[in-house]
PDB file of N, CA and C in Angstrom:
ATOM      1  N   UNK A   1      71.732 103.122 118.218  1.00  0.00           N
ATOM      2  CA  UNK A   1      72.856 103.281 117.688  1.00  0.00           C
ATOM      3  C   UNK A   1      72.456 101.495 116.935  1.00  0.00           C
ATOM      4  N   UNK A   2      72.585 101.667 115.331  1.00  0.00           N
ATOM      5  CA  UNK A   2      72.398 100.368 114.754  1.00  0.00           C
ATOM      6  C   UNK A   2      73.277  99.808 113.794  1.00  0.00           C
ATOM      7  N   UNK A   3      73.190  99.142 113.383  1.00  0.00           N
ATOM      8  CA  UNK A   3      74.464  98.393 112.166  1.00  0.00           C
ATOM      9  C   UNK A   3      73.513  98.711 111.266  1.00  0.00           C
ATOM     10  N   UNK A   4      74.209  99.299 109.960  1.00  0.00           N
ATOM     11  CA  UNK A   4      73.314  99.432 109.183  1.00  0.00           C
ATOM     12  C   UNK A   4      73.160  98.051 108.098  1.00  0.00           C
ATOM     13  N   UNK A   5      73.143  98.352 107.099  1.00  0.00           N
ATOM     14  CA  UNK A   5      72.617  97.488 106.156  1.00  0.00           C
ATOM     15  C   UNK A   5      73.928  95.780 106.001  1.00  0.00           C
ATOM     16  N   UNK A   6      75.161  96.157 106.308  1.00  0.00           N
ATOM     17  CA  UNK A   6      76.260  95.651 107.167  1.00  0.00           C
ATOM     18  C   UNK A   6      77.145  95.121 105.462  1.00  0.00           C
ATOM     19  N   UNK A   7      76.787  95.713 104.212  1.00  0.00           N
ATOM     20  CA  UNK A   7      77.574  95.889 103.183  1.00  0.00           C
ATOM     21  C   UNK A   7      78.583  96.696 103.261  1.00  0.00           C
ATOM     22  N   UNK A   8      78.615  98.266 103.682  1.00  0.00           N
ATOM     23  CA  UNK A   8      79.765  98.757 104.219  1.00  0.00           C
ATOM     24  C   UNK A   8      80.590  97.710 105.187  1.00  0.00           C
ATOM     25  N   UNK A   9      80.106  97.221 105.912  1.00  0.00           N
ATOM     26  CA  UNK A   9      81.093  96.040 107.283  1.00  0.00           C
ATOM     27  C   UNK A   9      81.648  94.771 106.228  1.00  0.00           C
ATOM     28  N   UNK A  10      81.079  94.652 105.531  1.00  0.00           N
ATOM     29  CA  UNK A  10      81.440  93.758 104.571  1.00  0.00           C
ATOM     30  C   UNK A  10      82.388  94.013 103.716  1.00  0.00           C
ATOM     31  N   UNK A  11      82.367  94.896 102.754  1.00  0.00           N
ATOM     32  CA  UNK A  11      83.592  95.866 101.733  1.00  0.00           C
ATOM     33  C   UNK A  11      84.639  96.012 102.900  1.00  0.00           C
ATOM     34  N   UNK A  12      84.691  96.291 103.805  1.00  0.00           N
ATOM     35  CA  UNK A  12      85.315  96.754 105.066  1.00  0.00           C
ATOM     36  C   UNK A  12      86.315  95.619 105.048  1.00  0.00           C
ATOM     37  N   UNK A  13      85.355  94.861 105.544  1.00  0.00           N
ATOM     38  CA  UNK A  13      85.869  93.442 106.206  1.00  0.00           C
ATOM     39  C   UNK A  13      87.275  92.906 104.922  1.00  0.00           C
ATOM     40  N   UNK A  14      87.030  92.696 104.213  1.00  0.00           N
ATOM     41  CA  UNK A  14      87.314  92.835 102.636  1.00  0.00           C
ATOM     42  C   UNK A  14      88.901  93.721 102.531  1.00  0.00           C
ATOM     43  N   UNK A  15      88.400  94.621 102.221  1.00  0.00           N
ATOM     44  CA  UNK A  15      89.531  95.644 102.377  1.00  0.00           C
ATOM     45  C   UNK A  15      90.412  95.236 103.761  1.00  0.00           C
ATOM     46  N   UNK A  16      90.363  95.114 104.604  1.00  0.00           N
ATOM     47  CA  UNK A  16      90.810  95.014 106.002  1.00  0.00           C
ATOM     48  C   UNK A  16      92.092  94.130 105.765  1.00  0.00           C
ATOM     49  N   UNK A  17      91.231  92.946 105.128  1.00  0.00           N
ATOM     50  CA  UNK A  17      92.022  91.935 104.568  1.00  0.00           C
ATOM     51  C   UNK A  17      93.059  91.781 103.651  1.00  0.00           C
ATOM     52  N   UNK A  18      92.883  92.357 102.508  1.00  0.00           N
ATOM     53  CA  UNK A  18      93.829  92.790 101.728  1.00  0.00           C
ATOM     54  C   UNK A  18      94.771  93.337 102.041  1.00  0.00           C
ATOM     55  N   UNK A  19      94.557  94.954 102.723  1.00  0.00           N
ATOM     56  CA  UNK A  19      95.764  96.121 103.142  1.00  0.00           C
ATOM     57  C   UNK A  19      96.515  94.936 104.031  1.00  0.00           C
ATOM     58  N   UNK A  20      96.062  94.273 105.388  1.00  0.00           N
ATOM     59  CA  UNK A  20      96.897  93.398 106.315  1.00  0.00           C
ATOM     60  C   UNK A  20      97.557  92.102 105.051  1.00  0.00           C
ATOM     61  N   UNK A  21      97.328  91.934 103.870  1.00  0.00           N
ATOM     62  CA  UNK A  21      98.077  90.651 103.101  1.00  0.00           C
ATOM     63  C   UNK A  21      99.457  92.120 102.706  1.00  0.00           C
ATOM     64  N   UNK A  22      98.599  92.704 102.091  1.00  0.00           N
ATOM     65  CA  UNK A  22     100.022  93.822 101.599  1.00  0.00           C
ATOM     66  C   UNK A  22     100.778  94.717 102.655  1.00  0.00           C
ATOM     67  N   UNK A  23     100.338  94.783 103.730  1.00  0.00           N
ATOM     68  CA  UNK A  23     101.254  95.478 104.850  1.00  0.00           C
ATOM     69  C   UNK A  23     101.125  94.259 105.986  1.00  0.00           C
ATOM     70  N   UNK A  24     101.571  93.212 106.322  1.00  0.00           N
ATOM     71  CA  UNK A  24     101.538  92.663 107.543  1.00  0.00           C
ATOM     72  C   UNK A  24     101.794  93.393 108.757  1.00  0.00           C
ATOM     73  N   UNK A  25     102.550  94.594 108.507  1.00  0.00           N
ATOM     74  CA  UNK A  25     103.115  95.404 109.812  1.00  0.00           C
ATOM     75  C   UNK A  25     102.228  96.469 110.209  1.00  0.00           C
ATOM     76  N   UNK A  26     101.414  96.579 109.252  1.00  0.00           N
ATOM     77  CA  UNK A  26     100.378  97.743 109.420  1.00  0.00           C
ATOM     78  C   UNK A  26      99.671  97.972 110.809  1.00  0.00           C
ATOM     79  N   UNK A  27      99.253  98.623 111.528  1.00  0.00           N
ATOM     80  CA  UNK A  27      98.530  98.954 112.672  1.00  0.00           C
ATOM     81  C   UNK A  27      97.145  98.776 113.043  1.00  0.00           C
ATOM     82  N   UNK A  28      96.956  97.749 113.280  1.00  0.00           N
ATOM     83  CA  UNK A  28      95.210  97.440 113.342  1.00  0.00           C
ATOM     84  C   UNK A  28      94.488  98.130 113.343  1.00  0.00           C
ATOM     85  N   UNK A  29      94.679  99.004 114.554  1.00  0.00           N
ATOM     86  CA  UNK A  29      93.468 100.142 115.013  1.00  0.00           C
ATOM     87  C   UNK A  29      93.897 101.141 114.135  1.00  0.00           C
ATOM     88  N   UNK A  30      95.118 101.667 113.296  1.00  0.00           N
ATOM     89  CA  UNK A  30      95.100 102.665 112.120  1.00  0.00           C
ATOM     90  C   UNK A  30      94.180 101.765 110.728  1.00  0.00           C
ATOM     91  N   UNK A  31      94.239 100.434 110.137  1.00  0.00           N
ATOM     92  CA  UNK A  31      93.586 100.555 109.732  1.00  0.00           C
ATOM     93  C   UNK A  31      91.890 100.048 109.754  1.00  0.00           C
ATOM     94  N   UNK A  32      91.543 100.105 110.805  1.00  0.00           N
ATOM     95  CA  UNK A  32      90.088 100.030 111.117  1.00  0.00           C
ATOM     96  C   UNK A  32      89.638 101.299 110.834  1.00  0.00           C
ATOM     97  N   UNK A  33      90.574 102.266 111.173  1.00  0.00           N
ATOM     98  CA  UNK A  33      89.653 103.698 111.269  1.00  0.00           C
ATOM     99  C   UNK A  33      89.938 104.371 110.071  1.00  0.00           C
ATOM    100  N   UNK A  34      90.995 103.642 109.321  1.00  0.00           N
ATOM    101  CA  UNK A  34      90.840 104.044 107.967  1.00  0.00           C
ATOM    102  C   UNK A  34      89.778 103.466 107.058  1.00  0.00           C
ATOM    103  N   UNK A  35      89.339 102.495 107.614  1.00  0.00           N
ATOM    104  CA  UNK A  35      88.052 101.593 106.858  1.00  0.00           C
ATOM    105  C   UNK A  35      86.916 101.954 107.275  1.00  0.00           C
ATOM    106  N   UNK A  36      86.818 102.817 108.321  1.00  0.00           N
ATOM    107  CA  UNK A  36      85.605 103.634 108.696  1.00  0.00           C
ATOM    108  C   UNK A  36      85.369 104.576 108.276  1.00  0.00           C
ATOM    109  N   UNK A  37      86.506 105.305 108.105  1.00  0.00           N
ATOM    110  CA  UNK A  37      86.528 106.571 107.251  1.00  0.00           C
ATOM    111  C   UNK A  37      85.822 106.143 105.521  1.00  0.00           C
ATOM    112  N   UNK A  38      86.438 105.257 105.128  1.00  0.00           N
ATOM    113  CA  UNK A  38      86.566 105.072 103.870  1.00  0.00           C
ATOM    114  C   UNK A  38      84.965 104.661 102.939  1.00  0.00           C
ATOM    115  N   UNK A  39      84.334 103.533 104.305  1.00  0.00           N
ATOM    116  CA  UNK A  39      83.470 102.698 104.340  1.00  0.00           C
ATOM    117  C   UNK A  39      82.107 103.459 104.861  1.00  0.00           C
ATOM    118  N   UNK A  40      82.312 104.933 105.606  1.00  0.00           N
ATOM    119  CA  UNK A  40      81.063 105.356 106.184  1.00  0.00           C
ATOM    120  C   UNK A  40      80.426 104.389 107.112  1.00  0.00           C
ATOM    121  N   UNK A  41      81.395 103.945 107.868  1.00  0.00           N
ATOM    122  CA  UNK A  41      80.977 102.836 109.347  1.00  0.00           C
ATOM    123  C   UNK A  41      80.177 103.542 110.193  1.00  0.00           C
ATOM    124  N   UNK A  42      79.184 103.513 111.068  1.00  0.00           N
ATOM    125  CA  UNK A  42      78.701 103.636 111.988  1.00  0.00           C
ATOM    126  C   UNK A  42      79.661 103.156 113.051  1.00  0.00           C
ATOM    127  N   UNK A  43      79.363 103.850 114.401  1.00  0.00           N
ATOM    128  CA  UNK A  43      79.803 103.961 115.493  1.00  0.00           C
ATOM    129  C   UNK A  43      79.863 102.266 116.073  1.00  0.00           C
ATOM    130  N   UNK A  44      78.695 101.750 115.841  1.00  0.00           N
ATOM    131  CA  UNK A  44      78.915 100.330 116.393  1.00  0.00           C
ATOM    132  C   UNK A  44      79.523  99.349 115.308  1.00  0.00           C
ATOM    133  N   UNK A  45      79.734  99.624 114.084  1.00  0.00           N
ATOM    134  CA  UNK A  45      79.761  98.980 113.003  1.00  0.00           C
ATOM    135  C   UNK A  45      81.792  98.600 113.679  1.00  0.00           C
ATOM    136  N   UNK A  46      82.038  99.961 113.614  1.00  0.00           N
ATOM    137  CA  UNK A  46      83.799 100.311 114.055  1.00  0.00           C
ATOM    138  C   UNK A  46      83.804  99.129 115.134  1.00  0.00           C
ATOM    139  N   UNK A  47      83.261  99.433 116.397  1.00  0.00           N
ATOM    140  CA  UNK A  47      83.463  98.522 117.350  1.00  0.00           C
ATOM    141  C   UNK A  47      83.613  97.347 117.211  1.00  0.00           C
ATOM    142  N   UNK A  48      82.690  96.926 115.995  1.00  0.00           N
ATOM    143  CA  UNK A  48      82.412  95.271 115.889  1.00  0.00           C
ATOM    144  C   UNK A  48      83.914  94.739 115.583  1.00  0.00           C
ATOM    145  N   UNK A  49      84.570  95.946 114.529  1.00  0.00           N
ATOM    146  CA  UNK A  49      85.533  95.290 114.159  1.00  0.00           C
ATOM    147  C   UNK A  49      86.733  95.860 114.806  1.00  0.00           C
ATOM    148  N   UNK A  50      86.806  96.267 116.038  1.00  0.00           N
ATOM    149  CA  UNK A  50      88.087  96.521 117.122  1.00  0.00           C
ATOM    150  C   UNK A  50      87.752  95.291 117.814  1.00  0.00           C
ATOM    151  N   UNK A  51      86.657  94.925 117.751  1.00  0.00           N
ATOM    152  CA  UNK A  51      86.115  93.328 118.772  1.00  0.00           C
ATOM    153  C   UNK A  51      86.546  91.605 118.038  1.00  0.00           C
ATOM    154  N   UNK A  52      86.130  91.942 117.024  1.00  0.00           N
ATOM    155  CA  UNK A  52      86.389  90.928 115.902  1.00  0.00           C
ATOM    156  C   UNK A  52      87.009  90.708 115.283  1.00  0.00           C
ATOM    157  N   UNK A  53      87.482  91.781 114.360  1.00  0.00           N
ATOM    158  CA  UNK A  53      88.638  91.678 113.684  1.00  0.00           C
ATOM    159  C   UNK A  53      90.281  91.381 114.144  1.00  0.00           C
ATOM    160  N   UNK A  54      90.882  90.236 113.434  1.00  0.00           N
ATOM    161  CA  UNK A  54      92.280  89.724 113.825  1.00  0.00           C
ATOM    162  C   UNK A  54      92.752  89.794 113.084  1.00  0.00           C
TER     163      UNK A  54
END
């Protein structure tokens, strides 16, 4: 399993930050799952977000 070119991950992180500003009470895990689907993230990229996105 490898991380892709990182473009999807970068877009996902931007989207996650925007979503968090819009709805600070949104559940972190739900947002990460939605980002995974929206940006077609790999399992490794999803794990990176779970481990590092706060």
